[in-house]
PDB file of N, CA and C in Angstrom:
ATOM      1  N   UNK A   1      78.216 198.702  61.108  1.00  0.00           N
ATOM      2  CA  UNK A   1      78.208 198.690  59.651  1.00  0.00           C
ATOM      3  C   UNK A   1      79.170 197.634  59.120  1.00  0.00           C
ATOM      4  N   UNK A   2      80.412 197.662  59.576  1.00  0.00           N
ATOM      5  CA  UNK A   2      81.415 196.726  59.097  1.00  0.00           C
ATOM      6  C   UNK A   2      81.098 195.299  59.502  1.00  0.00           C
ATOM      7  N   UNK A   3      80.473 195.117  60.660  1.00  0.00           N
ATOM      8  CA  UNK A   3      80.128 193.779  61.125  1.00  0.00           C
ATOM      9  C   UNK A   3      79.104 193.105  60.216  1.00  0.00           C
ATOM     10  N   UNK A   4      78.247 193.872  59.600  1.00  0.00           N
ATOM     11  CA  UNK A   4      77.222 193.284  58.729  1.00  0.00           C
ATOM     12  C   UNK A   4      77.774 192.927  57.348  1.00  0.00           C
ATOM     13  N   UNK A   5      78.980 193.357  57.069  1.00  0.00           N
ATOM     14  CA  UNK A   5      79.629 193.052  55.791  1.00  0.00           C
ATOM     15  C   UNK A   5      80.287 191.681  55.895  1.00  0.00           C
ATOM     16  N   UNK A   6      79.609 190.663  55.443  1.00  0.00           N
ATOM     17  CA  UNK A   6      80.086 189.289  55.605  1.00  0.00           C
ATOM     18  C   UNK A   6      81.086 188.891  54.529  1.00  0.00           C
ATOM     19  N   UNK A   7      81.749 187.772  54.767  1.00  0.00           N
ATOM     20  CA  UNK A   7      82.684 187.214  53.793  1.00  0.00           C
ATOM     21  C   UNK A   7      81.952 186.889  52.500  1.00  0.00           C
ATOM     22  N   UNK A   8      80.743 186.344  52.603  1.00  0.00           N
ATOM     23  CA  UNK A   8      79.968 186.010  51.407  1.00  0.00           C
ATOM     24  C   UNK A   8      79.674 187.248  50.566  1.00  0.00           C
ATOM     25  N   UNK A   9      79.323 188.331  51.221  1.00  0.00           N
ATOM     26  CA  UNK A   9      79.075 189.580  50.513  1.00  0.00           C
ATOM     27  C   UNK A   9      80.341 190.057  49.818  1.00  0.00           C
ATOM     28  N   UNK A  10      81.470 189.960  50.503  1.00  0.00           N
ATOM     29  CA  UNK A  10      82.747 190.371  49.917  1.00  0.00           C
ATOM     30  C   UNK A  10      83.073 189.534  48.689  1.00  0.00           C
ATOM     31  N   UNK A  11      82.878 188.232  48.782  1.00  0.00           N
ATOM     32  CA  UNK A  11      83.162 187.356  47.643  1.00  0.00           C
ATOM     33  C   UNK A  11      82.295 187.719  46.448  1.00  0.00           C
ATOM     34  N   UNK A  12      81.013 187.961  46.698  1.00  0.00           N
ATOM     35  CA  UNK A  12      80.103 188.301  45.600  1.00  0.00           C
ATOM     36  C   UNK A  12      80.513 189.602  44.917  1.00  0.00           C
ATOM     37  N   UNK A  13      80.996 190.536  45.689  1.00  0.00           N
ATOM     38  CA  UNK A  13      81.375 191.831  45.117  1.00  0.00           C
ATOM     39  C   UNK A  13      82.753 191.808  44.469  1.00  0.00           C
ATOM     40  N   UNK A  14      83.660 190.999  45.010  1.00  0.00           N
ATOM     41  CA  UNK A  14      85.028 190.970  44.502  1.00  0.00           C
ATOM     42  C   UNK A  14      85.233 189.966  43.365  1.00  0.00           C
ATOM     43  N   UNK A  15      84.534 188.867  43.408  1.00  0.00           N
ATOM     44  CA  UNK A  15      84.705 187.832  42.390  1.00  0.00           C
ATOM     45  C   UNK A  15      83.679 188.033  41.280  1.00  0.00           C
ATOM     46  N   UNK A  16      84.105 188.661  40.230  1.00  0.00           N
ATOM     47  CA  UNK A  16      83.197 188.964  39.133  1.00  0.00           C
ATOM     48  C   UNK A  16      83.374 188.009  37.957  1.00  0.00           C
ATOM     49  N   UNK A  17      84.452 187.255  37.929  1.00  0.00           N
ATOM     50  CA  UNK A  17      84.702 186.307  36.846  1.00  0.00           C
ATOM     51  C   UNK A  17      83.859 185.052  37.051  1.00  0.00           C
ATOM     52  N   UNK A  18      83.211 184.600  36.017  1.00  0.00           N
ATOM     53  CA  UNK A  18      82.423 183.368  36.060  1.00  0.00           C
ATOM     54  C   UNK A  18      83.110 182.364  35.140  1.00  0.00           C
ATOM     55  N   UNK A  19      83.223 181.142  35.587  1.00  0.00           N
ATOM     56  CA  UNK A  19      83.840 180.094  34.799  1.00  0.00           C
ATOM     57  C   UNK A  19      82.791 179.035  34.490  1.00  0.00           C
ATOM     58  N   UNK A  20      82.548 178.827  33.225  1.00  0.00           N
ATOM     59  CA  UNK A  20      81.550 177.856  32.810  1.00  0.00           C
ATOM     60  C   UNK A  20      82.214 176.497  32.634  1.00  0.00           C
ATOM     61  N   UNK A  21      82.670 175.932  33.727  1.00  0.00           N
ATOM     62  CA  UNK A  21      83.405 174.663  33.700  1.00  0.00           C
ATOM     63  C   UNK A  21      82.544 173.534  33.158  1.00  0.00           C
ATOM     64  N   UNK A  22      81.282 173.555  33.461  1.00  0.00           N
ATOM     65  CA  UNK A  22      80.374 172.476  33.036  1.00  0.00           C
ATOM     66  C   UNK A  22      80.355 172.333  31.516  1.00  0.00           C
ATOM     67  N   UNK A  23      80.261 173.415  30.796  1.00  0.00           N
ATOM     68  CA  UNK A  23      80.208 173.317  29.334  1.00  0.00           C
ATOM     69  C   UNK A  23      81.589 173.017  28.737  1.00  0.00           C
ATOM     70  N   UNK A  24      82.635 173.441  29.399  1.00  0.00           N
ATOM     71  CA  UNK A  24      83.986 173.234  28.868  1.00  0.00           C
ATOM     72  C   UNK A  24      84.526 171.823  29.118  1.00  0.00           C
ATOM     73  N   UNK A  25      84.188 171.212  30.242  1.00  0.00           N
ATOM     74  CA  UNK A  25      84.762 169.922  30.608  1.00  0.00           C
ATOM     75  C   UNK A  25      84.398 168.838  29.596  1.00  0.00           C
ATOM     76  N   UNK A  26      83.233 168.928  29.002  1.00  0.00           N
ATOM     77  CA  UNK A  26      82.794 167.923  28.029  1.00  0.00           C
ATOM     78  C   UNK A  26      83.660 167.919  26.769  1.00  0.00           C
ATOM     79  N   UNK A  27      84.306 169.038  26.468  1.00  0.00           N
ATOM     80  CA  UNK A  27      85.124 169.108  25.251  1.00  0.00           C
ATOM     81  C   UNK A  27      86.586 168.710  25.489  1.00  0.00           C
ATOM     82  N   UNK A  28      86.960 168.457  26.718  1.00  0.00           N
ATOM     83  CA  UNK A  28      88.339 168.078  27.023  1.00  0.00           C
ATOM     84  C   UNK A  28      88.496 166.578  26.788  1.00  0.00           C
ATOM     85  N   UNK A  29      89.337 166.222  25.840  1.00  0.00           N
ATOM     86  CA  UNK A  29      89.463 164.827  25.412  1.00  0.00           C
ATOM     87  C   UNK A  29      90.640 164.091  26.046  1.00  0.00           C
ATOM     88  N   UNK A  30      91.449 164.764  26.811  1.00  0.00           N
ATOM     89  CA  UNK A  30      92.575 164.101  27.468  1.00  0.00           C
ATOM     90  C   UNK A  30      92.096 163.468  28.771  1.00  0.00           C
ATOM     91  N   UNK A  31      92.835 162.494  29.315  1.00  0.00           N
ATOM     92  CA  UNK A  31      92.435 161.893  30.590  1.00  0.00           C
ATOM     93  C   UNK A  31      92.371 162.940  31.705  1.00  0.00           C
ATOM     94  N   UNK A  32      91.399 162.744  32.596  1.00  0.00           N
ATOM     95  CA  UNK A  32      91.171 163.692  33.679  1.00  0.00           C
ATOM     96  C   UNK A  32      91.151 162.968  35.012  1.00  0.00           C
ATOM     97  N   UNK A  33      91.730 163.587  36.015  1.00  0.00           N
ATOM     98  CA  UNK A  33      91.700 163.069  37.374  1.00  0.00           C
ATOM     99  C   UNK A  33      91.064 164.132  38.260  1.00  0.00           C
ATOM    100  N   UNK A  34      89.935 163.784  38.853  1.00  0.00           N
ATOM    101  CA  UNK A  34      89.244 164.670  39.781  1.00  0.00           C
ATOM    102  C   UNK A  34      89.605 164.219  41.187  1.00  0.00           C
ATOM    103  N   UNK A  35      90.123 165.130  41.980  1.00  0.00           N
ATOM    104  CA  UNK A  35      90.453 164.847  43.378  1.00  0.00           C
ATOM    105  C   UNK A  35      89.721 165.886  44.219  1.00  0.00           C
ATOM    106  N   UNK A  36      88.987 165.409  45.211  1.00  0.00           N
ATOM    107  CA  UNK A  36      88.213 166.360  46.015  1.00  0.00           C
ATOM    108  C   UNK A  36      88.137 165.899  47.457  1.00  0.00           C
ATOM    109  N   UNK A  37      88.382 166.829  48.366  1.00  0.00           N
ATOM    110  CA  UNK A  37      88.226 166.562  49.790  1.00  0.00           C
ATOM    111  C   UNK A  37      86.756 166.642  50.178  1.00  0.00           C
ATOM    112  N   UNK A  38      86.286 165.650  50.910  1.00  0.00           N
ATOM    113  CA  UNK A  38      84.873 165.641  51.292  1.00  0.00           C
ATOM    114  C   UNK A  38      84.517 166.734  52.298  1.00  0.00           C
ATOM    115  N   UNK A  39      85.511 167.343  52.925  1.00  0.00           N
ATOM    116  CA  UNK A  39      85.261 168.428  53.885  1.00  0.00           C
ATOM    117  C   UNK A  39      85.625 169.795  53.296  1.00  0.00           C
ATOM    118  N   UNK A  40      85.686 169.884  51.983  1.00  0.00           N
ATOM    119  CA  UNK A  40      86.041 171.128  51.297  1.00  0.00           C
ATOM    120  C   UNK A  40      84.962 172.169  51.542  1.00  0.00           C
ATOM    121  N   UNK A  41      85.355 173.326  52.066  1.00  0.00           N
ATOM    122  CA  UNK A  41      84.421 174.417  52.300  1.00  0.00           C
ATOM    123  C   UNK A  41      84.516 175.499  51.227  1.00  0.00           C
ATOM    124  N   UNK A  42      85.537 175.402  50.362  1.00  0.00           N
ATOM    125  CA  UNK A  42      85.709 176.401  49.301  1.00  0.00           C
ATOM    126  C   UNK A  42      84.968 175.995  48.024  1.00  0.00           C
ATOM    127  N   UNK A  43      85.058 174.722  47.674  1.00  0.00           N
ATOM    128  CA  UNK A  43      84.373 174.199  46.495  1.00  0.00           C
ATOM    129  C   UNK A  43      83.463 173.066  46.971  1.00  0.00           C
ATOM    130  N   UNK A  44      82.163 173.234  46.854  1.00  0.00           N
ATOM    131  CA  UNK A  44      81.259 172.184  47.327  1.00  0.00           C
ATOM    132  C   UNK A  44      81.502 170.864  46.586  1.00  0.00           C
ATOM    133  N   UNK A  45      81.541 169.754  47.315  1.00  0.00           N
ATOM    134  CA  UNK A  45      81.774 168.461  46.673  1.00  0.00           C
ATOM    135  C   UNK A  45      80.787 168.132  45.553  1.00  0.00           C
ATOM    136  N   UNK A  46      79.540 168.585  45.668  1.00  0.00           N
ATOM    137  CA  UNK A  46      78.577 168.286  44.602  1.00  0.00           C
ATOM    138  C   UNK A  46      78.937 168.968  43.291  1.00  0.00           C
ATOM    139  N   UNK A  47      79.707 170.055  43.345  1.00  0.00           N
ATOM    140  CA  UNK A  47      80.185 170.715  42.128  1.00  0.00           C
ATOM    141  C   UNK A  47      81.129 169.789  41.353  1.00  0.00           C
ATOM    142  N   UNK A  48      82.026 169.140  42.083  1.00  0.00           N
ATOM    143  CA  UNK A  48      82.963 168.221  41.453  1.00  0.00           C
ATOM    144  C   UNK A  48      82.222 166.979  40.959  1.00  0.00           C
ATOM    145  N   UNK A  49      81.252 166.510  41.723  1.00  0.00           N
ATOM    146  CA  UNK A  49      80.433 165.374  41.281  1.00  0.00           C
ATOM    147  C   UNK A  49      79.783 165.680  39.937  1.00  0.00           C
ATOM    148  N   UNK A  50      79.246 166.876  39.822  1.00  0.00           N
ATOM    149  CA  UNK A  50      78.562 167.288  38.597  1.00  0.00           C
ATOM    150  C   UNK A  50      79.530 167.360  37.417  1.00  0.00           C
ATOM    151  N   UNK A  51      80.714 167.928  37.637  1.00  0.00           N
ATOM    152  CA  UNK A  51      81.709 168.008  36.563  1.00  0.00           C
ATOM    153  C   UNK A  51      82.145 166.619  36.118  1.00  0.00           C
ATOM    154  N   UNK A  52      82.341 165.736  37.079  1.00  0.00           N
ATOM    155  CA  UNK A  52      82.744 164.377  36.750  1.00  0.00           C
ATOM    156  C   UNK A  52      81.674 163.695  35.883  1.00  0.00           C
ATOM    157  N   UNK A  53      80.415 163.898  36.220  1.00  0.00           N
ATOM    158  CA  UNK A  53      79.321 163.277  35.467  1.00  0.00           C
ATOM    159  C   UNK A  53      79.304 163.715  34.009  1.00  0.00           C
ATOM    160  N   UNK A  54      79.560 164.988  33.739  1.00  0.00           N
ATOM    161  CA  UNK A  54      79.469 165.478  32.353  1.00  0.00           C
ATOM    162  C   UNK A  54      80.781 165.338  31.588  1.00  0.00           C
ATOM    163  N   UNK A  55      81.857 165.014  32.277  1.00  0.00           N
ATOM    164  CA  UNK A  55      83.156 164.842  31.606  1.00  0.00           C
ATOM    165  C   UNK A  55      83.144 163.569  30.764  1.00  0.00           C
ATOM    166  N   UNK A  56      83.791 163.643  29.607  1.00  0.00           N
ATOM    167  CA  UNK A  56      83.878 162.452  28.768  1.00  0.00           C
ATOM    168  C   UNK A  56      84.977 161.530  29.311  1.00  0.00           C
ATOM    169  N   UNK A  57      84.953 160.293  28.869  1.00  0.00           N
ATOM    170  CA  UNK A  57      85.971 159.322  29.284  1.00  0.00           C
ATOM    171  C   UNK A  57      87.310 159.755  28.705  1.00  0.00           C
ATOM    172  N   UNK A  58      88.261 159.428  29.222  1.00  0.00           N
ATOM    173  CA  UNK A  58      88.859 158.780  30.343  1.00  0.00           C
ATOM    174  C   UNK A  58      88.862 159.707  31.535  1.00  0.00           C
ATOM    175  N   UNK A  59      88.321 159.215  32.624  1.00  0.00           N
ATOM    176  CA  UNK A  59      88.243 160.044  33.813  1.00  0.00           C
ATOM    177  C   UNK A  59      88.283 159.161  35.049  1.00  0.00           C
ATOM    178  N   UNK A  60      88.857 159.707  36.100  1.00  0.00           N
ATOM    179  CA  UNK A  60      88.937 159.032  37.398  1.00  0.00           C
ATOM    180  C   UNK A  60      88.507 160.041  38.456  1.00  0.00           C
ATOM    181  N   UNK A  61      87.942 159.533  39.542  1.00  0.00           N
ATOM    182  CA  UNK A  61      87.515 160.403  40.639  1.00  0.00           C
ATOM    183  C   UNK A  61      88.025 159.809  41.947  1.00  0.00           C
ATOM    184  N   UNK A  62      88.690 160.633  42.716  1.00  0.00           N
ATOM    185  CA  UNK A  62      89.210 160.202  44.008  1.00  0.00           C
ATOM    186  C   UNK A  62      88.709 161.179  45.067  1.00  0.00           C
ATOM    187  N   UNK A  63      87.802 160.711  45.923  1.00  0.00           N
ATOM    188  CA  UNK A  63      87.293 161.520  47.036  1.00  0.00           C
ATOM    189  C   UNK A  63      88.081 161.155  48.281  1.00  0.00           C
ATOM    190  N   UNK A  64      88.484 162.173  49.009  1.00  0.00           N
ATOM    191  CA  UNK A  64      89.299 161.950  50.190  1.00  0.00           C
ATOM    192  C   UNK A  64      88.521 162.357  51.438  1.00  0.00           C
ATOM    193  N   UNK A  65      88.229 161.377  52.276  1.00  0.00           N
ATOM    194  CA  UNK A  65      87.534 161.647  53.537  1.00  0.00           C
ATOM    195  C   UNK A  65      88.453 162.481  54.432  1.00  0.00           C
ATOM    196  N   UNK A  66      87.874 163.315  55.221  1.00  0.00           N
ATOM    197  CA  UNK A  66      88.590 164.148  56.206  1.00  0.00           C
ATOM    198  C   UNK A  66      89.475 165.223  55.564  1.00  0.00           C
ATOM    199  N   UNK A  67      89.462 165.351  54.237  1.00  0.00           N
ATOM    200  CA  UNK A  67      90.305 166.363  53.593  1.00  0.00           C
ATOM    201  C   UNK A  67      89.490 167.608  53.268  1.00  0.00           C
ATOM    202  N   UNK A  68      90.143 168.763  53.410  1.00  0.00           N
ATOM    203  CA  UNK A  68      89.505 170.013  53.025  1.00  0.00           C
ATOM    204  C   UNK A  68      90.027 170.398  51.640  1.00  0.00           C
ATOM    205  N   UNK A  69      89.973 171.663  51.322  1.00  0.00           N
ATOM    206  CA  UNK A  69      90.382 172.130  49.999  1.00  0.00           C
ATOM    207  C   UNK A  69      91.892 172.057  49.795  1.00  0.00           C
ATOM    208  N   UNK A  70      92.629 172.320  50.849  1.00  0.00           N
ATOM    209  CA  UNK A  70      94.076 172.481  50.718  1.00  0.00           C
ATOM    210  C   UNK A  70      94.915 171.318  51.216  1.00  0.00           C
ATOM    211  N   UNK A  71      94.309 170.266  51.729  1.00  0.00           N
ATOM    212  CA  UNK A  71      95.133 169.201  52.314  1.00  0.00           C
ATOM    213  C   UNK A  71      94.827 167.805  51.774  1.00  0.00           C
ATOM    214  N   UNK A  72      94.376 167.730  50.543  1.00  0.00           N
ATOM    215  CA  UNK A  72      94.063 166.421  49.946  1.00  0.00           C
ATOM    216  C   UNK A  72      95.283 165.512  49.892  1.00  0.00           C
ATOM    217  N   UNK A  73      96.412 166.046  49.547  1.00  0.00           N
ATOM    218  CA  UNK A  73      97.628 165.242  49.444  1.00  0.00           C
ATOM    219  C   UNK A  73      98.067 164.676  50.772  1.00  0.00           C
ATOM    220  N   UNK A  74      98.011 165.466  51.800  1.00  0.00           N
ATOM    221  CA  UNK A  74      98.470 164.988  53.098  1.00  0.00           C
ATOM    222  C   UNK A  74      97.441 164.083  53.777  1.00  0.00           C
ATOM    223  N   UNK A  75      96.155 164.332  53.560  1.00  0.00           N
ATOM    224  CA  UNK A  75      95.121 163.487  54.171  1.00  0.00           C
ATOM    225  C   UNK A  75      94.927 162.179  53.425  1.00  0.00           C
ATOM    226  N   UNK A  76      95.201 162.174  52.135  1.00  0.00           N
ATOM    227  CA  UNK A  76      94.911 161.013  51.319  1.00  0.00           C
ATOM    228  C   UNK A  76      96.066 160.055  51.106  1.00  0.00           C
ATOM    229  N   UNK A  77      97.248 160.370  51.629  1.00  0.00           N
ATOM    230  CA  UNK A  77      98.391 159.474  51.432  1.00  0.00           C
ATOM    231  C   UNK A  77      98.183 158.188  52.178  1.00  0.00           C
ATOM    232  N   UNK A  78      98.591 157.039  51.686  1.00  0.00           N
ATOM    233  CA  UNK A  78      99.229 156.790  50.387  1.00  0.00           C
ATOM    234  C   UNK A  78      98.231 156.569  49.254  1.00  0.00           C
ATOM    235  N   UNK A  79      96.935 156.528  49.552  1.00  0.00           N
ATOM    236  CA  UNK A  79      95.939 156.321  48.498  1.00  0.00           C
ATOM    237  C   UNK A  79      95.980 157.434  47.452  1.00  0.00           C
ATOM    238  N   UNK A  80      96.210 158.650  47.907  1.00  0.00           N
ATOM    239  CA  UNK A  80      96.309 159.791  46.995  1.00  0.00           C
ATOM    240  C   UNK A  80      97.418 159.546  45.980  1.00  0.00           C
ATOM    241  N   UNK A  81      98.606 159.191  46.479  1.00  0.00           N
ATOM    242  CA  UNK A  81      99.742 158.956  45.589  1.00  0.00           C
ATOM    243  C   UNK A  81      99.474 157.805  44.632  1.00  0.00           C
ATOM    244  N   UNK A  82      98.856 156.737  45.121  1.00  0.00           N
ATOM    245  CA  UNK A  82      98.553 155.589  44.268  1.00  0.00           C
ATOM    246  C   UNK A  82      97.571 155.961  43.161  1.00  0.00           C
ATOM    247  N   UNK A  83      96.605 156.777  43.487  1.00  0.00           N
ATOM    248  CA  UNK A  83      95.624 157.201  42.493  1.00  0.00           C
ATOM    249  C   UNK A  83      96.294 158.023  41.388  1.00  0.00           C
ATOM    250  N   UNK A  84      97.142 158.951  41.767  1.00  0.00           N
ATOM    251  CA  UNK A  84      97.855 159.778  40.793  1.00  0.00           C
ATOM    252  C   UNK A  84      98.760 158.894  39.926  1.00  0.00           C
ATOM    253  N   UNK A  85      99.485 157.977  40.555  1.00  0.00           N
ATOM    254  CA  UNK A  85     100.368 157.070  39.807  1.00  0.00           C
ATOM    255  C   UNK A  85      99.573 156.215  38.823  1.00  0.00           C
ATOM    256  N   UNK A  86      98.420 155.720  39.253  1.00  0.00           N
ATOM    257  CA  UNK A  86      97.577 154.885  38.400  1.00  0.00           C
ATOM    258  C   UNK A  86      97.174 155.637  37.132  1.00  0.00           C
ATOM    259  N   UNK A  87      96.770 156.874  37.283  1.00  0.00           N
ATOM    260  CA  UNK A  87      96.347 157.676  36.132  1.00  0.00           C
ATOM    261  C   UNK A  87      97.534 157.962  35.218  1.00  0.00           C
ATOM    262  N   UNK A  88      98.682 158.269  35.795  1.00  0.00           N
ATOM    263  CA  UNK A  88      99.878 158.532  34.979  1.00  0.00           C
ATOM    264  C   UNK A  88     100.276 157.269  34.215  1.00  0.00           C
ATOM    265  N   UNK A  89     100.274 156.117  34.896  1.00  0.00           N
ATOM    266  CA  UNK A  89     100.603 154.849  34.222  1.00  0.00           C
ATOM    267  C   UNK A  89      99.646 154.585  33.055  1.00  0.00           C
ATOM    268  N   UNK A  90      98.380 154.831  33.286  1.00  0.00           N
ATOM    269  CA  UNK A  90      97.374 154.615  32.251  1.00  0.00           C
ATOM    270  C   UNK A  90      97.627 155.519  31.040  1.00  0.00           C
ATOM    271  N   UNK A  91      97.977 156.767  31.296  1.00  0.00           N
ATOM    272  CA  UNK A  91      98.265 157.708  30.204  1.00  0.00           C
ATOM    273  C   UNK A  91      99.499 157.265  29.418  1.00  0.00           C
ATOM    274  N   UNK A  92     100.529 156.842  30.140  1.00  0.00           N
ATOM    275  CA  UNK A  92     101.752 156.386  29.478  1.00  0.00           C
ATOM    276  C   UNK A  92     101.496 155.120  28.670  1.00  0.00           C
ATOM    277  N   UNK A  93     100.684 154.241  29.201  1.00  0.00           N
ATOM    278  CA  UNK A  93     100.331 152.999  28.508  1.00  0.00           C
ATOM    279  C   UNK A  93      99.579 153.320  27.215  1.00  0.00           C
ATOM    280  N   UNK A  94      98.615 154.232  27.294  1.00  0.00           N
ATOM    281  CA  UNK A  94      97.851 154.634  26.115  1.00  0.00           C
ATOM    282  C   UNK A  94      98.748 155.278  25.069  1.00  0.00           C
ATOM    283  N   UNK A  95      99.682 156.091  25.524  1.00  0.00           N
ATOM    284  CA  UNK A  95     100.606 156.762  24.605  1.00  0.00           C
ATOM    285  C   UNK A  95     101.489 155.730  23.910  1.00  0.00           C
ATOM    286  N   UNK A  96     101.969 154.757  24.679  1.00  0.00           N
ATOM    287  CA  UNK A  96     102.803 153.706  24.118  1.00  0.00           C
ATOM    288  C   UNK A  96     102.014 152.887  23.095  1.00  0.00           C
ATOM    289  N   UNK A  97     100.769 152.572  23.423  1.00  0.00           N
ATOM    290  CA  UNK A  97      99.906 151.823  22.511  1.00  0.00           C
ATOM    291  C   UNK A  97      99.691 152.570  21.219  1.00  0.00           C
ATOM    292  N   UNK A  98      99.460 153.882  21.307  1.00  0.00           N
ATOM    293  CA  UNK A  98      99.201 154.660  20.094  1.00  0.00           C
ATOM    294  C   UNK A  98     100.446 154.764  19.235  1.00  0.00           C
ATOM    295  N   UNK A  99     101.634 154.810  19.847  1.00  0.00           N
ATOM    296  CA  UNK A  99     102.881 154.831  19.069  1.00  0.00           C
ATOM    297  C   UNK A  99     103.084 153.511  18.336  1.00  0.00           C
ATOM    298  N   UNK A 100     102.761 152.391  18.998  1.00  0.00           N
ATOM    299  CA  UNK A 100     102.933 151.070  18.401  1.00  0.00           C
ATOM    300  C   UNK A 100     101.958 150.821  17.255  1.00  0.00           C
ATOM    301  N   UNK A 101     100.822 151.527  17.258  1.00  0.00           N
ATOM    302  CA  UNK A 101      99.825 151.335  16.209  1.00  0.00           C
ATOM    303  C   UNK A 101      99.893 152.407  15.122  1.00  0.00           C
ATOM    304  N   UNK A 102     100.830 153.306  15.258  1.00  0.00           N
ATOM    305  CA  UNK A 102     100.969 154.373  14.254  1.00  0.00           C
ATOM    306  C   UNK A 102     101.541 153.791  12.964  1.00  0.00           C
ATOM    307  N   UNK A 103     101.030 154.243  11.860  1.00  0.00           N
ATOM    308  CA  UNK A 103     101.541 153.746  10.568  1.00  0.00           C
ATOM    309  C   UNK A 103     102.803 154.504  10.199  1.00  0.00           C
ATOM    310  N   UNK A 104     103.763 153.808   9.566  1.00  0.00           N
ATOM    311  CA  UNK A 104     105.052 154.438   9.193  1.00  0.00           C
ATOM    312  C   UNK A 104     104.934 155.459   8.105  1.00  0.00           C
TER     313      UNK A 104
END
């Protein structure tokens, strides 16, 4: 009896919350960075691809080969760090630009 109770069955019964990320991501107007391990077994990579497609600009996507769900940072270094820095620099640059164009 217990052997037939799979992990998938447990997840379906225990995880009752549904998150409609697809409809919500389009309304987020701040810059977004999507990072996904290509070997992720918890979140299918095509899910992140889909979210990235419907997200409005400004957005960046960094796929990490050989990374799973929990080790993107360690598998993607130094490219991972450079990608994060690039997005932060871009946000700071945009913020600086908007301050310089603000009317007194």
